[in-house]
Each structure stands twice: as structure tokens, then as C-alpha cells.
Amino acid sequence: MSPAETALGLIELYSVARGLAALDAGCKAAAVELIFARPFCAGKFAGLWRGRVGEVRSALNAARRTGGELVVGECLLPAVHPDLPGALGASRASPRGASLGVVEAFNIAATLRAADAAAKAAAVELLEVRLAVGLGGRGYFTLAGETAAAAQAVEVAAALLVDEGLLVDRRLIPAPDPALLERLELLDPPNRS
């Protein structure tokens, strides 16, 4: 499957039990890969699929029908930016000397949409996308690039979130201190550079 054909689809529910049933329905309805399935704060549950656009759409439709009134959020990202799947729950090393952008959203569907939009808006690299766990249902992502590109990507993501009323905060950190990046595991150790 080419990157242009790759889609991500997320569904979020206010029930663990209904969430499990909804994810099962989605998996049975389409040829998709379930890459994220977990409960998080306030009794919510979310799942994320990867696959071809039509298949992911079918999985989301089946999950939505099963989830019913307990579905609180969803998103479909067709032609997802290639950095996004690899940045989910992982920390990638920031290029040395790059500016660091951080964007935080009130929910995980909005976090995914904003991260995808940011990565597509400018020549930046998504370093990390964190969803819900340990964040009270929120999400955030970090990106790196030249200062102007990182600023543009952060502002595109922030504008999308402001329009949805879901922006918590955003920051651009030019030339972040290596100690910060090392602590966040966003900097390669010196012996690997």
C-alpha cells in the first residue's frame, strides 16, 4: 500500500465495554490493521485503524453503528502523512539544531487531525504523537524543523484546533537545549550521531 493510499481512522467512546464491541465490529467489517486500542481517563476507550481509505471508512461506520450514543469522537485521515503512524506513541530523534514545535489538544481525534495537517503544511518531521494515556484524555505532538517551517506547521495545527475549540496550547522552541531533548528522548545519544 502506497502512502497516498494509507488512511488512519480513530473512534473514541465513553464506555470501555461498548468501545471493545465497536472495535470488534470494525475489525470484522473491513480489512484493516488495529494499531491502537486502549482505555484511558474518565472511562473512555479508543481505537485506531490503518488501511486503505475505503476499508478504514467501513471499519469506522461499523464501529459507529455499534457504539451508538456513546461515540464521542472520530476522525478519518485519508492519505495520512507518512511520519504520523511511526510517531504514534514513539519518540523519534530531533535533527540537531532544529526548532521544536509542541501542540496540545483537548481530545485525541483533534490531536491526530492537527498532527497530520502540521506535517503536510511545512517541511517538518513529526517526532512524537501522544494520545490520551496519562494525559487526562488529551493529546499532544512534537515536531522539528527549521524555525520558519516549524512555526508555520505549529500555526496551521493551532488554527485548525482553534476553529474546533480544542486547542489547549502551542509553543515553538527555537534551538531547544540538548538536555531537554535528551530527557524527552528526542535527541540521539552523541555516540550515534
Protein backbone atom coordinates (compact mmCIF):
# COMPACT_ATOMS: atom_id res chain seq x y z
CA MET A 1 0.00 0.00 0.00
CA SER A 2 1.47 3.34 -1.03
CA PRO A 3 1.49 6.32 1.38
CA ALA A 4 -1.17 8.02 -0.76
CA GLU A 5 -3.44 5.01 -0.19
CA THR A 6 -2.81 4.76 3.55
CA ALA A 7 -5.51 6.07 5.86
CA LEU A 8 -5.92 6.21 9.63
CA GLY A 9 -9.29 6.08 11.35
CA LEU A 10 -9.96 6.69 15.03
CA ILE A 11 -13.07 6.21 17.13
CA GLU A 12 -13.45 7.29 20.76
CA LEU A 13 -16.25 6.22 23.10
CA TYR A 14 -17.47 6.97 26.63
CA SER A 15 -17.52 3.27 27.53
CA VAL A 16 -14.88 0.57 27.70
CA ALA A 17 -17.43 -2.22 27.13
CA ARG A 18 -19.04 -0.50 24.15
CA GLY A 19 -15.59 0.50 22.90
CA LEU A 20 -14.44 -3.10 22.77
CA ALA A 21 -17.62 -4.15 20.97
CA ALA A 22 -17.27 -1.26 18.50
CA LEU A 23 -13.66 -2.11 17.69
CA ASP A 24 -14.60 -5.75 17.20
CA ALA A 25 -17.35 -4.71 14.77
CA GLY A 26 -14.91 -2.50 12.87
CA CYS A 27 -12.28 -5.23 12.63
CA LYS A 28 -14.86 -7.72 11.36
CA ALA A 29 -16.28 -5.28 8.81
CA ALA A 30 -13.09 -4.42 6.93
CA ALA A 31 -9.54 -5.44 6.08
CA VAL A 32 -7.82 -3.03 8.46
CA GLU A 33 -4.97 -3.20 10.95
CA LEU A 34 -5.87 -2.21 14.51
CA ILE A 35 -2.84 -0.26 15.76
CA PHE A 36 -4.18 1.33 18.96
CA ALA A 37 -6.86 0.04 21.33
CA ARG A 38 -6.98 1.12 24.94
CA PRO A 39 -8.94 2.64 27.78
CA PHE A 40 -7.95 5.99 29.23
CA CYS A 41 -9.01 8.57 31.79
CA ALA A 42 -12.64 9.14 32.65
CA GLY A 43 -13.71 5.70 31.45
CA LYS A 44 -13.17 6.37 27.75
CA PHE A 45 -11.94 3.88 25.17
CA ALA A 46 -10.41 4.47 21.74
CA GLY A 47 -9.21 2.50 18.76
CA LEU A 48 -7.18 3.42 15.71
CA TRP A 49 -7.06 1.54 12.41
CA ARG A 50 -4.69 1.72 9.45
CA GLY A 51 -5.55 0.57 5.94
CA ARG A 52 -6.91 1.68 2.60
CA VAL A 53 -9.34 4.61 2.77
CA GLY A 54 -12.44 2.60 1.85
CA GLU A 55 -11.61 -0.16 4.33
CA VAL A 56 -10.93 2.27 7.17
CA ARG A 57 -14.19 4.10 6.36
CA SER A 58 -16.06 0.76 6.53
CA ALA A 59 -14.46 -0.06 9.90
CA LEU A 60 -15.43 3.36 11.27
CA ASN A 61 -19.01 3.02 10.02
CA ALA A 62 -19.41 -0.39 11.67
CA ALA A 63 -17.84 0.87 14.91
CA ARG A 64 -20.07 3.96 14.92
CA ARG A 65 -23.22 1.82 14.49
CA THR A 66 -22.17 -0.42 17.39
CA GLY A 67 -21.01 2.49 19.55
CA GLY A 68 -24.22 4.45 19.08
CA GLU A 69 -24.80 7.27 21.51
CA LEU A 70 -21.55 6.52 23.36
CA VAL A 71 -19.32 7.62 20.44
CA VAL A 72 -17.75 10.94 21.42
CA GLY A 73 -15.21 11.46 18.67
CA GLU A 74 -13.86 10.08 15.44
CA CYS A 75 -11.70 11.01 12.51
CA LEU A 76 -10.70 9.63 9.14
CA LEU A 77 -7.35 10.75 7.73
CA PRO A 78 -7.05 9.72 4.08
CA ALA A 79 -3.56 9.91 2.57
CA VAL A 80 -2.12 10.34 6.07
CA HIS A 81 1.31 11.95 6.26
CA PRO A 82 3.95 9.16 6.28
CA ASP A 83 5.51 10.42 9.55
CA LEU A 84 2.30 10.09 11.55
CA PRO A 85 1.98 6.29 12.01
CA GLY A 86 5.62 5.99 13.12
CA ALA A 87 5.32 8.86 15.59
CA LEU A 88 2.34 7.36 17.44
CA GLY A 89 3.43 6.64 20.99
CA ALA A 90 7.09 6.76 19.99
CA SER A 91 9.90 9.26 20.30
CA ARG A 92 11.99 9.96 17.22
CA ALA A 93 15.24 11.86 17.40
CA SER A 94 15.13 15.54 16.54
CA PRO A 95 17.62 16.79 13.98
CA ARG A 96 20.33 18.71 15.80
CA GLY A 97 19.80 22.45 15.70
CA ALA A 98 16.14 22.16 14.66
CA SER A 99 13.39 24.13 16.33
CA LEU A 100 10.87 22.16 18.36
CA GLY A 101 7.13 22.67 17.96
CA VAL A 102 4.61 21.38 20.51
CA VAL A 103 0.83 21.39 20.05
CA GLU A 104 -1.65 20.13 22.65
CA ALA A 105 -5.35 19.40 22.05
CA PHE A 106 -8.32 18.60 24.26
CA ASN A 107 -9.06 15.26 22.59
CA ILE A 108 -7.27 12.59 20.63
CA ALA A 109 -9.21 12.85 17.36
CA ALA A 110 -8.30 16.53 17.17
CA THR A 111 -4.67 15.72 18.01
CA LEU A 112 -4.45 13.34 15.05
CA ARG A 113 -6.08 15.79 12.63
CA ALA A 114 -3.79 18.62 13.78
CA ALA A 115 -0.60 16.50 13.60
CA ASP A 116 -1.45 15.38 10.07
CA ALA A 117 -2.22 18.95 8.99
CA ALA A 118 1.00 20.28 10.55
CA ALA A 119 3.17 17.65 8.86
CA LYS A 120 1.56 18.39 5.50
CA ALA A 121 1.85 22.18 5.90
CA ALA A 122 5.63 22.55 6.03
CA ALA A 123 8.95 20.73 5.78
CA VAL A 124 8.95 19.35 9.32
CA GLU A 125 9.31 15.94 10.90
CA LEU A 126 6.78 14.59 13.40
CA LEU A 127 8.76 13.33 16.37
CA GLU A 128 6.08 12.09 18.73
CA VAL A 129 2.28 11.84 18.90
CA ARG A 130 0.89 11.01 22.35
CA LEU A 131 -2.77 10.09 22.74
CA ALA A 132 -4.75 10.21 25.98
CA VAL A 133 -2.90 7.77 28.24
CA GLY A 134 -1.59 9.70 31.23
CA LEU A 135 -2.92 12.92 29.72
CA GLY A 136 -6.49 13.04 31.03
CA GLY A 137 -7.90 12.28 27.59
CA ARG A 138 -5.86 14.98 25.86
CA GLY A 139 -3.22 14.54 23.21
CA TYR A 140 -0.13 16.34 22.02
CA PHE A 141 2.52 16.10 19.36
CA THR A 142 6.02 17.39 18.80
CA LEU A 143 7.67 18.27 15.52
CA ALA A 144 11.06 19.53 14.40
CA GLY A 145 12.34 21.63 11.53
CA GLU A 146 13.88 24.91 10.52
CA THR A 147 12.38 27.71 12.62
CA ALA A 148 10.17 29.19 9.88
CA ALA A 149 8.85 25.79 8.80
CA ALA A 150 8.22 24.64 12.38
CA ALA A 151 6.42 27.92 13.14
CA GLN A 152 4.24 27.51 10.05
CA ALA A 153 3.35 23.91 10.95
CA VAL A 154 2.50 24.84 14.55
CA GLU A 155 0.28 27.72 13.43
CA VAL A 156 -1.58 25.56 10.88
CA ALA A 157 -2.30 22.97 13.58
CA ALA A 158 -3.27 25.63 16.11
CA ALA A 159 -5.66 27.33 13.66
CA LEU A 160 -7.40 24.01 12.98
CA LEU A 161 -7.78 23.38 16.72
CA VAL A 162 -8.95 26.93 17.49
CA ASP A 163 -11.66 26.56 14.83
CA GLU A 164 -12.84 23.39 16.60
CA GLY A 165 -12.50 24.93 20.09
CA LEU A 166 -9.98 22.21 21.02
CA LEU A 167 -6.60 23.96 21.38
CA VAL A 168 -5.00 23.65 24.82
CA ASP A 169 -1.70 25.33 23.91
CA ARG A 170 1.07 25.51 21.35
CA ARG A 171 4.71 26.51 21.61
CA LEU A 172 7.67 26.94 19.30
CA ILE A 173 11.06 26.43 20.96
CA PRO A 174 13.91 27.66 18.75
CA ALA A 175 17.19 25.80 19.40
CA PRO A 176 15.96 23.74 22.37
CA ASP A 177 18.54 22.86 24.98
CA PRO A 178 20.01 19.39 24.29
CA ALA A 179 19.39 18.42 27.93
CA LEU A 180 15.65 18.87 27.39
CA LEU A 181 15.70 16.83 24.20
CA GLU A 182 17.74 14.08 25.84
CA ARG A 183 15.35 13.90 28.81
CA LEU A 184 12.39 13.67 26.42
CA GLU A 185 14.29 11.04 24.41
CA LEU A 186 14.07 13.30 21.35
CA LEU A 187 17.82 13.52 20.80
CA ASP A 188 20.13 10.77 19.59
CA PRO A 189 22.92 9.97 22.05
CA PRO A 190 26.21 11.60 20.94
CA ASN A 191 27.81 8.26 20.05
CA ARG A 192 25.11 7.50 17.45
CA SER A 193 25.22 10.84 15.58
